[in-house]
Amino acid sequence: MASRINIRIDEKLKADAEKVVALEGMKSLTEYIVKLIRQDSERLLELHSKIVLEDNVFDRFMKACEDAEKPNAALLEAAKFTDQSRFR
């Protein structure tokens, strides 16, 4: 199912985008905009789905996990909430 997005852009930006559409052999400005949204949303979702740590921070995190005692009630409740909320 398709949804509609209404946007307003300045005339020069639209003209430039229409030139790109023609140069790239695309069918429409909509096709170009959808392509851009798809590429950028995939990139940003990937970027925000990872945490990058320096080696020493990761090593300290892993040591803390290994040395951790049995999870307390608050941690178990947080894990349950995360599972129910489908965080990934």
Protein backbone atom coordinates (compact mmCIF):
# COMPACT_ATOMS: atom_id res chain seq x y z
CA MET A 1 0.00 0.00 0.00
CA ALA A 2 1.41 3.39 -0.95
CA SER A 3 1.22 6.53 1.13
CA ARG A 4 1.34 10.08 -0.10
CA ILE A 5 3.86 12.69 1.06
CA ASN A 6 3.25 16.34 0.19
CA ILE A 7 6.36 18.51 0.22
CA ARG A 8 7.25 22.02 -0.83
CA ILE A 9 10.73 22.77 -2.15
CA ASP A 10 12.19 25.82 -3.79
CA GLU A 11 12.07 26.04 -7.57
CA LYS A 12 15.83 25.69 -8.13
CA LEU A 13 16.05 22.53 -6.05
CA LYS A 14 13.12 21.04 -7.97
CA ALA A 15 14.67 22.02 -11.32
CA ASP A 16 18.00 20.46 -10.30
CA ALA A 17 16.26 17.29 -9.18
CA GLU A 18 14.35 17.10 -12.47
CA LYS A 19 17.67 17.39 -14.35
CA VAL A 20 19.04 14.47 -12.33
CA VAL A 21 15.92 12.46 -13.15
CA ALA A 22 16.50 13.07 -16.87
CA LEU A 23 20.25 12.39 -16.68
CA GLU A 24 19.73 9.15 -14.79
CA GLY A 25 16.93 7.97 -17.08
CA MET A 26 14.41 7.76 -14.27
CA LYS A 27 10.69 7.80 -14.92
CA SER A 28 9.74 10.54 -12.50
CA LEU A 29 10.75 12.89 -9.74
CA THR A 30 8.84 10.60 -7.38
CA GLU A 31 11.09 7.67 -8.36
CA TYR A 32 14.17 9.78 -7.58
CA ILE A 33 12.84 10.98 -4.23
CA VAL A 34 11.84 7.44 -3.21
CA LYS A 35 15.32 6.21 -4.16
CA LEU A 36 16.95 8.91 -2.02
CA ILE A 37 14.68 8.23 0.95
CA ARG A 38 15.30 4.48 0.71
CA GLN A 39 19.09 4.86 0.53
CA ASP A 40 19.31 7.41 3.31
CA SER A 41 16.87 5.69 5.64
CA GLU A 42 18.69 2.36 5.26
CA ARG A 43 22.01 4.09 5.99
CA LEU A 44 20.71 5.98 9.01
CA LEU A 45 18.83 3.01 10.45
CA GLU A 46 22.01 0.94 10.15
CA LEU A 47 24.05 3.72 11.73
CA HIS A 48 21.69 4.04 14.69
CA SER A 49 21.30 0.31 15.23
CA LYS A 50 24.91 -0.19 16.30
CA ILE A 51 27.08 0.96 19.14
CA VAL A 52 30.76 1.33 18.33
CA LEU A 53 33.16 1.14 21.25
CA GLU A 54 36.88 1.54 21.50
CA ASP A 55 38.66 -1.73 22.33
CA ASN A 56 39.43 -0.79 25.92
CA VAL A 57 35.80 0.19 26.61
CA PHE A 58 34.55 -3.07 25.13
CA ASP A 59 37.09 -5.04 27.17
CA ARG A 60 35.94 -3.30 30.36
CA PHE A 61 32.30 -3.98 29.47
CA MET A 62 33.01 -7.66 28.86
CA LYS A 63 34.89 -7.93 32.18
CA ALA A 64 31.95 -6.32 33.99
CA CYS A 65 29.60 -8.84 32.35
CA GLU A 66 31.81 -11.75 33.32
CA ASP A 67 32.15 -10.50 36.92
CA ALA A 68 28.48 -9.68 37.32
CA GLU A 69 26.43 -11.47 39.90
CA LYS A 70 22.93 -12.83 39.43
CA PRO A 71 20.62 -10.16 37.87
CA ASN A 72 18.49 -8.23 40.34
CA ALA A 73 14.72 -7.73 40.02
CA ALA A 74 15.07 -4.33 38.28
CA LEU A 75 17.35 -5.77 35.60
CA LEU A 76 15.06 -8.74 35.03
CA GLU A 77 12.10 -6.37 34.71
CA ALA A 78 14.04 -4.19 32.23
CA ALA A 79 14.87 -7.28 30.15
CA LYS A 80 11.21 -8.33 30.19
CA PHE A 81 10.13 -4.83 29.10
CA THR A 82 12.70 -4.86 26.28
CA ASP A 83 11.44 -8.23 25.03
CA GLN A 84 7.82 -7.10 25.14
CA SER A 85 8.65 -3.84 23.36
CA ARG A 86 10.53 -5.69 20.63
CA PHE A 87 13.63 -3.52 20.90
CA ARG A 88 16.41 -4.81 18.70
